[in-house]
Amino acid sequence: MATPKDRQLYWKKNLTYLTVLLSIWFIVSFGFGVLLVDQLDRIRIGGFKLGFWFAQQGSIYVFVLLIFTYVWLMNRLDRAFDVDEE
């Protein structure tokens, strides 16, 4: 049985993961796709402007990558606190 201190530490780490990953998502989707689009449009990748690419596809790719990263981090955290499903 986990102690209250262990549970508090578990949720603190979980919220840290969420804060970092959601910050990355915000920067990529809103920052790169909206705020910095004019500066990024000066760079071209595969014939497309980088700002347009982030607004249309890049933020989606990053979001999916962040989902997999969160699953990996949480599985590792669950094993560390012995609350995994195995």
PDB file of N, CA and C in Angstrom:
ATOM      1  N   MET A   1       0.841  -1.187   0.000  1.00  0.00           N
ATOM      2  CA  MET A   1       0.000   0.000   0.000  1.00  0.00           C
ATOM      3  C   MET A   1       0.881   1.244   0.000  1.00  0.00           C
ATOM      4  N   ALA A   2       0.600   2.153  -0.867  1.00  0.00           N
ATOM      5  CA  ALA A   2       1.396   3.371  -0.986  1.00  0.00           C
ATOM      6  C   ALA A   2       1.059   4.338   0.151  1.00  0.00           C
ATOM      7  N   THR A   3       2.091   4.995   0.616  1.00  0.00           N
ATOM      8  CA  THR A   3       1.887   5.978   1.669  1.00  0.00           C
ATOM      9  C   THR A   3       1.355   7.274   1.059  1.00  0.00           C
ATOM     10  N   PRO A   4       0.749   8.122   1.881  1.00  0.00           N
ATOM     11  CA  PRO A   4       0.273   9.409   1.350  1.00  0.00           C
ATOM     12  C   PRO A   4       1.396  10.233   0.717  1.00  0.00           C
ATOM     13  N   LYS A   5       2.602  10.122   1.262  1.00  0.00           N
ATOM     14  CA  LYS A   5       3.732  10.860   0.684  1.00  0.00           C
ATOM     15  C   LYS A   5       4.083  10.318  -0.700  1.00  0.00           C
ATOM     16  N   ASP A   6       4.034   8.994  -0.855  1.00  0.00           N
ATOM     17  CA  ASP A   6       4.298   8.388  -2.166  1.00  0.00           C
ATOM     18  C   ASP A   6       3.257   8.818  -3.194  1.00  0.00           C
ATOM     19  N   ARG A   7       1.992   8.820  -2.778  1.00  0.00           N
ATOM     20  CA  ARG A   7       0.923   9.240  -3.696  1.00  0.00           C
ATOM     21  C   ARG A   7       1.085  10.698  -4.098  1.00  0.00           C
ATOM     22  N   GLN A   8       1.478  11.530  -3.137  1.00  0.00           N
ATOM     23  CA  GLN A   8       1.682  12.955  -3.432  1.00  0.00           C
ATOM     24  C   GLN A   8       2.848  13.136  -4.408  1.00  0.00           C
ATOM     25  N   LEU A   9       3.930  12.391  -4.207  1.00  0.00           N
ATOM     26  CA  LEU A   9       5.076  12.481  -5.106  1.00  0.00           C
ATOM     27  C   LEU A   9       4.716  11.974  -6.501  1.00  0.00           C
ATOM     28  N   TYR A  10       3.944  10.891  -6.552  1.00  0.00           N
ATOM     29  CA  TYR A  10       3.496  10.337  -7.835  1.00  0.00           C
ATOM     30  C   TYR A  10       2.714  11.387  -8.632  1.00  0.00           C
ATOM     31  N   TRP A  11       1.743  12.045  -7.992  1.00  0.00           N
ATOM     32  CA  TRP A  11       0.932  13.024  -8.697  1.00  0.00           C
ATOM     33  C   TRP A  11       1.716  14.284  -9.020  1.00  0.00           C
ATOM     34  N   LYS A  12       2.670  14.632  -8.189  1.00  0.00           N
ATOM     35  CA  LYS A  12       3.507  15.791  -8.492  1.00  0.00           C
ATOM     36  C   LYS A  12       4.313  15.532  -9.759  1.00  0.00           C
ATOM     37  N   LYS A  13       4.888  14.324  -9.874  1.00  0.00           N
ATOM     38  CA  LYS A  13       5.643  13.988 -11.090  1.00  0.00           C
ATOM     39  C   LYS A  13       4.719  13.920 -12.303  1.00  0.00           C
ATOM     40  N   ASN A  14       3.520  13.364 -12.118  1.00  0.00           N
ATOM     41  CA  ASN A  14       2.560  13.291 -13.210  1.00  0.00           C
ATOM     42  C   ASN A  14       2.205  14.690 -13.702  1.00  0.00           C
ATOM     43  N   LEU A  15       1.932  15.605 -12.789  1.00  0.00           N
ATOM     44  CA  LEU A  15       1.604  16.980 -13.181  1.00  0.00           C
ATOM     45  C   LEU A  15       2.790  17.686 -13.821  1.00  0.00           C
ATOM     46  N   THR A  16       3.995  17.362 -13.399  1.00  0.00           N
ATOM     47  CA  THR A  16       5.189  17.922 -14.041  1.00  0.00           C
ATOM     48  C   THR A  16       5.277  17.457 -15.487  1.00  0.00           C
ATOM     49  N   TYR A  17       5.064  16.153 -15.708  1.00  0.00           N
ATOM     50  CA  TYR A  17       5.056  15.633 -17.077  1.00  0.00           C
ATOM     51  C   TYR A  17       4.003  16.341 -17.924  1.00  0.00           C
ATOM     52  N   LEU A  18       2.805  16.454 -17.383  1.00  0.00           N
ATOM     53  CA  LEU A  18       1.721  17.109 -18.124  1.00  0.00           C
ATOM     54  C   LEU A  18       2.051  18.562 -18.444  1.00  0.00           C
ATOM     55  N   THR A  19       2.601  19.272 -17.476  1.00  0.00           N
ATOM     56  CA  THR A  19       2.932  20.686 -17.690  1.00  0.00           C
ATOM     57  C   THR A  19       3.970  20.846 -18.792  1.00  0.00           C
ATOM     58  N   VAL A  20       5.013  20.041 -18.744  1.00  0.00           N
ATOM     59  CA  VAL A  20       6.073  20.142 -19.760  1.00  0.00           C
ATOM     60  C   VAL A  20       5.539  19.765 -21.139  1.00  0.00           C
ATOM     61  N   LEU A  21       4.826  18.656 -21.233  1.00  0.00           N
ATOM     62  CA  LEU A  21       4.337  18.206 -22.535  1.00  0.00           C
ATOM     63  C   LEU A  21       3.286  19.141 -23.124  1.00  0.00           C
ATOM     64  N   LEU A  22       2.397  19.658 -22.288  1.00  0.00           N
ATOM     65  CA  LEU A  22       1.398  20.606 -22.796  1.00  0.00           C
ATOM     66  C   LEU A  22       2.027  21.941 -23.177  1.00  0.00           C
ATOM     67  N   SER A  23       3.094  22.323 -22.499  1.00  0.00           N
ATOM     68  CA  SER A  23       3.819  23.543 -22.876  1.00  0.00           C
ATOM     69  C   SER A  23       4.460  23.377 -24.244  1.00  0.00           C
ATOM     70  N   ILE A  24       5.056  22.208 -24.484  1.00  0.00           N
ATOM     71  CA  ILE A  24       5.643  21.933 -25.801  1.00  0.00           C
ATOM     72  C   ILE A  24       4.553  21.968 -26.866  1.00  0.00           C
ATOM     73  N   TRP A  25       3.416  21.339 -26.577  1.00  0.00           N
ATOM     74  CA  TRP A  25       2.307  21.335 -27.534  1.00  0.00           C
ATOM     75  C   TRP A  25       1.834  22.755 -27.835  1.00  0.00           C
ATOM     76  N   PHE A  26       1.704  23.598 -26.808  1.00  0.00           N
ATOM     77  CA  PHE A  26       1.266  24.976 -26.998  1.00  0.00           C
ATOM     78  C   PHE A  26       2.270  25.755 -27.848  1.00  0.00           C
ATOM     79  N   ILE A  27       3.548  25.606 -27.544  1.00  0.00           N
ATOM     80  CA  ILE A  27       4.575  26.332 -28.292  1.00  0.00           C
ATOM     81  C   ILE A  27       4.563  25.918 -29.760  1.00  0.00           C
ATOM     82  N   VAL A  28       4.455  24.624 -30.010  1.00  0.00           N
ATOM     83  CA  VAL A  28       4.487  24.142 -31.394  1.00  0.00           C
ATOM     84  C   VAL A  28       3.215  24.531 -32.142  1.00  0.00           C
ATOM     85  N   SER A  29       2.060  24.306 -31.525  1.00  0.00           N
ATOM     86  CA  SER A  29       0.819  24.564 -32.268  1.00  0.00           C
ATOM     87  C   SER A  29       0.487  26.046 -32.360  1.00  0.00           C
ATOM     88  N   PHE A  30       0.505  26.749 -31.250  1.00  0.00           N
ATOM     89  CA  PHE A  30       0.129  28.162 -31.279  1.00  0.00           C
ATOM     90  C   PHE A  30       1.321  29.054 -31.627  1.00  0.00           C
ATOM     91  N   GLY A  31       2.457  28.768 -31.017  1.00  0.00           N
ATOM     92  CA  GLY A  31       3.639  29.597 -31.260  1.00  0.00           C
ATOM     93  C   GLY A  31       4.141  29.498 -32.688  1.00  0.00           C
ATOM     94  N   PHE A  32       4.407  28.263 -33.139  1.00  0.00           N
ATOM     95  CA  PHE A  32       4.943  28.072 -34.484  1.00  0.00           C
ATOM     96  C   PHE A  32       3.881  28.213 -35.563  1.00  0.00           C
ATOM     97  N   GLY A  33       2.660  27.786 -35.268  1.00  0.00           N
ATOM     98  CA  GLY A  33       1.605  27.795 -36.282  1.00  0.00           C
ATOM     99  C   GLY A  33       0.887  29.116 -36.424  1.00  0.00           C
ATOM    100  N   VAL A  34       0.967  29.992 -35.392  1.00  0.00           N
ATOM    101  CA  VAL A  34       0.224  31.249 -35.446  1.00  0.00           C
ATOM    102  C   VAL A  34       1.138  32.453 -35.221  1.00  0.00           C
ATOM    103  N   LEU A  35       1.819  32.487 -34.085  1.00  0.00           N
ATOM    104  CA  LEU A  35       2.600  33.678 -33.729  1.00  0.00           C
ATOM    105  C   LEU A  35       3.869  33.853 -34.557  1.00  0.00           C
ATOM    106  N   LEU A  36       4.583  32.776 -34.813  1.00  0.00           N
ATOM    107  CA  LEU A  36       5.865  32.870 -35.522  1.00  0.00           C
ATOM    108  C   LEU A  36       5.771  32.441 -36.979  1.00  0.00           C
ATOM    109  N   VAL A  37       4.565  32.383 -37.514  1.00  0.00           N
ATOM    110  CA  VAL A  37       4.380  31.867 -38.865  1.00  0.00           C
ATOM    111  C   VAL A  37       5.121  32.717 -39.902  1.00  0.00           C
ATOM    112  N   ASP A  38       5.128  34.022 -39.745  1.00  0.00           N
ATOM    113  CA  ASP A  38       5.802  34.866 -40.742  1.00  0.00           C
ATOM    114  C   ASP A  38       7.311  34.637 -40.758  1.00  0.00           C
ATOM    115  N   GLN A  39       7.912  34.494 -39.580  1.00  0.00           N
ATOM    116  CA  GLN A  39       9.345  34.247 -39.515  1.00  0.00           C
ATOM    117  C   GLN A  39       9.676  32.848 -40.053  1.00  0.00           C
ATOM    118  N   LEU A  40       8.847  31.865 -39.731  1.00  0.00           N
ATOM    119  CA  LEU A  40       9.099  30.498 -40.193  1.00  0.00           C
ATOM    120  C   LEU A  40       8.821  30.322 -41.679  1.00  0.00           C
ATOM    121  N   ASP A  41       7.968  31.166 -42.259  1.00  0.00           N
ATOM    122  CA  ASP A  41       7.672  31.060 -43.688  1.00  0.00           C
ATOM    123  C   ASP A  41       8.879  31.408 -44.559  1.00  0.00           C
ATOM    124  N   ARG A  42       9.879  32.019 -43.991  1.00  0.00           N
ATOM    125  CA  ARG A  42      11.102  32.315 -44.750  1.00  0.00           C
ATOM    126  C   ARG A  42      11.912  31.054 -45.039  1.00  0.00           C
ATOM    127  N   ILE A  43      11.645  29.995 -44.283  1.00  0.00           N
ATOM    128  CA  ILE A  43      12.349  28.724 -44.448  1.00  0.00           C
ATOM    129  C   ILE A  43      11.429  27.778 -45.210  1.00  0.00           C
ATOM    130  N   ARG A  44      11.994  27.098 -46.206  1.00  0.00           N
ATOM    131  CA  ARG A  44      11.197  26.156 -47.000  1.00  0.00           C
ATOM    132  C   ARG A  44      11.736  24.740 -46.823  1.00  0.00           C
ATOM    133  N   ILE A  45      10.800  23.808 -46.654  1.00  0.00           N
ATOM    134  CA  ILE A  45      11.146  22.392 -46.566  1.00  0.00           C
ATOM    135  C   ILE A  45      10.279  21.649 -47.564  1.00  0.00           C
ATOM    136  N   GLY A  46      10.903  20.993 -48.501  1.00  0.00           N
ATOM    137  CA  GLY A  46      10.149  20.251 -49.517  1.00  0.00           C
ATOM    138  C   GLY A  46       9.250  21.133 -50.352  1.00  0.00           C
ATOM    139  N   GLY A  47       9.605  22.392 -50.520  1.00  0.00           N
ATOM    140  CA  GLY A  47       8.811  23.308 -51.316  1.00  0.00           C
ATOM    141  C   GLY A  47       7.713  24.024 -50.545  1.00  0.00           C
ATOM    142  N   PHE A  48       7.518  23.660 -49.297  1.00  0.00           N
ATOM    143  CA  PHE A  48       6.488  24.295 -48.480  1.00  0.00           C
ATOM    144  C   PHE A  48       7.121  25.218 -47.446  1.00  0.00           C
ATOM    145  N   LYS A  49       6.436  26.299 -47.165  1.00  0.00           N
ATOM    146  CA  LYS A  49       6.905  27.213 -46.134  1.00  0.00           C
ATOM    147  C   LYS A  49       6.773  26.530 -44.780  1.00  0.00           C
ATOM    148  N   LEU A  50       7.784  26.703 -43.930  1.00  0.00           N
ATOM    149  CA  LEU A  50       7.825  26.007 -42.651  1.00  0.00           C
ATOM    150  C   LEU A  50       6.668  26.413 -41.736  1.00  0.00           C
ATOM    151  N   GLY A  51       6.289  27.679 -41.717  1.00  0.00           N
ATOM    152  CA  GLY A  51       5.158  28.123 -40.906  1.00  0.00           C
ATOM    153  C   GLY A  51       3.864  27.466 -41.325  1.00  0.00           C
ATOM    154  N   PHE A  52       3.648  27.373 -42.631  1.00  0.00           N
ATOM    155  CA  PHE A  52       2.463  26.695 -43.155  1.00  0.00           C
ATOM    156  C   PHE A  52       2.485  25.222 -42.775  1.00  0.00           C
ATOM    157  N   TRP A  53       3.666  24.588 -42.879  1.00  0.00           N
ATOM    158  CA  TRP A  53       3.789  23.172 -42.546  1.00  0.00           C
ATOM    159  C   TRP A  53       3.439  22.921 -41.082  1.00  0.00           C
ATOM    160  N   PHE A  54       3.954  23.769 -40.174  1.00  0.00           N
ATOM    161  CA  PHE A  54       3.625  23.598 -38.754  1.00  0.00           C
ATOM    162  C   PHE A  54       2.139  23.798 -38.505  1.00  0.00           C
ATOM    163  N   ALA A  55       1.545  24.772 -39.158  1.00  0.00           N
ATOM    164  CA  ALA A  55       0.123  25.041 -38.952  1.00  0.00           C
ATOM    165  C   ALA A  55      -0.740  23.895 -39.481  1.00  0.00           C
ATOM    166  N   GLN A  56      -0.324  23.253 -40.553  1.00  0.00           N
ATOM    167  CA  GLN A  56      -1.153  22.230 -41.180  1.00  0.00           C
ATOM    168  C   GLN A  56      -0.835  20.811 -40.734  1.00  0.00           C
ATOM    169  N   GLN A  57       0.453  20.494 -40.583  1.00  0.00           N
ATOM    170  CA  GLN A  57       0.814  19.103 -40.302  1.00  0.00           C
ATOM    171  C   GLN A  57       1.763  18.955 -39.120  1.00  0.00           C
ATOM    172  N   GLY A  58       2.692  19.841 -38.984  1.00  0.00           N
ATOM    173  CA  GLY A  58       3.735  19.687 -37.979  1.00  0.00           C
ATOM    174  C   GLY A  58       3.210  19.596 -36.564  1.00  0.00           C
ATOM    175  N   SER A  59       2.238  20.417 -36.233  1.00  0.00           N
ATOM    176  CA  SER A  59       1.699  20.383 -34.879  1.00  0.00           C
ATOM    177  C   SER A  59       0.977  19.062 -34.604  1.00  0.00           C
ATOM    178  N   ILE A  60       0.375  18.473 -35.618  1.00  0.00           N
ATOM    179  CA  ILE A  60      -0.290  17.178 -35.448  1.00  0.00           C
ATOM    180  C   ILE A  60       0.746  16.088 -35.192  1.00  0.00           C
ATOM    181  N   TYR A  61       1.831  16.091 -35.958  1.00  0.00           N
ATOM    182  CA  TYR A  61       2.898  15.106 -35.741  1.00  0.00           C
ATOM    183  C   TYR A  61       3.493  15.241 -34.346  1.00  0.00           C
ATOM    184  N   VAL A  62       3.734  16.457 -33.935  1.00  0.00           N
ATOM    185  CA  VAL A  62       4.294  16.687 -32.606  1.00  0.00           C
ATOM    186  C   VAL A  62       3.307  16.228 -31.533  1.00  0.00           C
ATOM    187  N   PHE A  63       2.022  16.492 -31.716  1.00  0.00           N
ATOM    188  CA  PHE A  63       1.018  16.082 -30.752  1.00  0.00           C
ATOM    189  C   PHE A  63       0.993  14.556 -30.604  1.00  0.00           C
ATOM    190  N   VAL A  64       1.033  13.823 -31.704  1.00  0.00           N
ATOM    191  CA  VAL A  64       1.053  12.357 -31.640  1.00  0.00           C
ATOM    192  C   VAL A  64       2.323  11.880 -30.949  1.00  0.00           C
ATOM    193  N   LEU A  65       3.451  12.493 -31.259  1.00  0.00           N
ATOM    194  CA  LEU A  65       4.710  12.143 -30.587  1.00  0.00           C
ATOM    195  C   LEU A  65       4.621  12.407 -29.084  1.00  0.00           C
ATOM    196  N   LEU A  66       3.973  13.499 -28.694  1.00  0.00           N
ATOM    197  CA  LEU A  66       3.807  13.810 -27.276  1.00  0.00           C
ATOM    198  C   LEU A  66       2.915  12.779 -26.577  1.00  0.00           C
ATOM    199  N   ILE A  67       1.923  12.258 -27.272  1.00  0.00           N
ATOM    200  CA  ILE A  67       1.072  11.220 -26.689  1.00  0.00           C
ATOM    201  C   ILE A  67       1.896   9.976 -26.383  1.00  0.00           C
ATOM    202  N   PHE A  68       2.701   9.536 -27.348  1.00  0.00           N
ATOM    203  CA  PHE A  68       3.550   8.369 -27.124  1.00  0.00           C
ATOM    204  C   PHE A  68       4.571   8.622 -26.011  1.00  0.00           C
ATOM    205  N   THR A  69       5.098   9.828 -25.957  1.00  0.00           N
ATOM    206  CA  THR A  69       6.047  10.186 -24.903  1.00  0.00           C
ATOM    207  C   THR A  69       5.374  10.133 -23.540  1.00  0.00           C
ATOM    208  N   TYR A  70       4.154  10.637 -23.434  1.00  0.00           N
ATOM    209  CA  TYR A  70       3.432  10.614 -22.163  1.00  0.00           C
ATOM    210  C   TYR A  70       3.158   9.175 -21.721  1.00  0.00           C
ATOM    211  N   VAL A  71       2.764   8.319 -22.647  1.00  0.00           N
ATOM    212  CA  VAL A  71       2.515   6.911 -22.305  1.00  0.00           C
ATOM    213  C   VAL A  71       3.801   6.271 -21.795  1.00  0.00           C
ATOM    214  N   TRP A  72       4.900   6.497 -22.465  1.00  0.00           N
ATOM    215  CA  TRP A  72       6.184   5.930 -22.053  1.00  0.00           C
ATOM    216  C   TRP A  72       6.584   6.440 -20.672  1.00  0.00           C
ATOM    217  N   LEU A  73       6.465   7.758 -20.448  1.00  0.00           N
ATOM    218  CA  LEU A  73       6.816   8.336 -19.149  1.00  0.00           C
ATOM    219  C   LEU A  73       5.928   7.794 -18.035  1.00  0.00           C
ATOM    220  N   MET A  74       4.634   7.679 -18.292  1.00  0.00           N
ATOM    221  CA  MET A  74       3.718   7.200 -17.251  1.00  0.00           C
ATOM    222  C   MET A  74       3.931   5.722 -16.950  1.00  0.00           C
ATOM    223  N   ASN A  75       4.235   4.915 -17.960  1.00  0.00           N
ATOM    224  CA  ASN A  75       4.551   3.509 -17.705  1.00  0.00           C
ATOM    225  C   ASN A  75       5.791   3.388 -16.832  1.00  0.00           C
ATOM    226  N   ARG A  76       6.782   4.213 -17.120  1.00  0.00           N
ATOM    227  CA  ARG A  76       8.002   4.211 -16.310  1.00  0.00           C
ATOM    228  C   ARG A  76       7.716   4.677 -14.885  1.00  0.00           C
ATOM    229  N   LEU A  77       6.890   5.712 -14.740  1.00  0.00           N
ATOM    230  CA  LEU A  77       6.537   6.214 -13.415  1.00  0.00           C
ATOM    231  C   LEU A  77       5.709   5.185 -12.640  1.00  0.00           C
ATOM    232  N   ASP A  78       4.790   4.520 -13.320  1.00  0.00           N
ATOM    233  CA  ASP A  78       3.983   3.485 -12.669  1.00  0.00           C
ATOM    234  C   ASP A  78       4.858   2.351 -12.142  1.00  0.00           C
ATOM    235  N   ARG A  79       5.850   1.938 -12.933  1.00  0.00           N
ATOM    236  CA  ARG A  79       6.754   0.883 -12.471  1.00  0.00           C
ATOM    237  C   ARG A  79       7.578   1.350 -11.283  1.00  0.00           C
ATOM    238  N   ALA A  80       8.006   2.603 -11.300  1.00  0.00           N
ATOM    239  CA  ALA A  80       8.822   3.137 -10.206  1.00  0.00           C
ATOM    240  C   ALA A  80       8.034   3.177  -8.891  1.00  0.00           C
ATOM    241  N   PHE A  81       6.735   3.426  -8.980  1.00  0.00           N
ATOM    242  CA  PHE A  81       5.904   3.500  -7.766  1.00  0.00           C
ATOM    243  C   PHE A  81       5.111   2.207  -7.549  1.00  0.00           C
ATOM    244  N   ASP A  82       5.396   1.193  -8.333  1.00  0.00           N
ATOM    245  CA  ASP A  82       4.773  -0.112  -8.204  1.00  0.00           C
ATOM    246  C   ASP A  82       3.241  -0.042  -8.287  1.00  0.00           C
ATOM    247  N   VAL A  83       2.768   0.723  -9.248  1.00  0.00           N
ATOM    248  CA  VAL A  83       1.325   0.781  -9.514  1.00  0.00           C
ATOM    249  C   VAL A  83       1.009   0.404 -10.966  1.00  0.00           C
ATOM    250  N   ASP A  84       1.953  -0.302 -11.589  1.00  0.00           N
ATOM    251  CA  ASP A  84       1.738  -0.690 -12.977  1.00  0.00           C
ATOM    252  C   ASP A  84       0.714  -1.812 -13.051  1.00  0.00           C
ATOM    253  N   GLU A  85       0.231  -2.071 -14.242  1.00  0.00           N
ATOM    254  CA  GLU A  85      -0.854  -3.024 -14.447  1.00  0.00           C
ATOM    255  C   GLU A  85      -0.371  -4.441 -14.651  1.00  0.00           C
ATOM    256  N   GLU A  86       0.889  -4.692 -14.577  1.00  0.00           N
ATOM    257  CA  GLU A  86       1.416  -6.041 -14.815  1.00  0.00           C
ATOM    258  C   GLU A  86       1.283  -6.911 -13.610  1.00  0.00           C
TER     259      GLU A  86
END
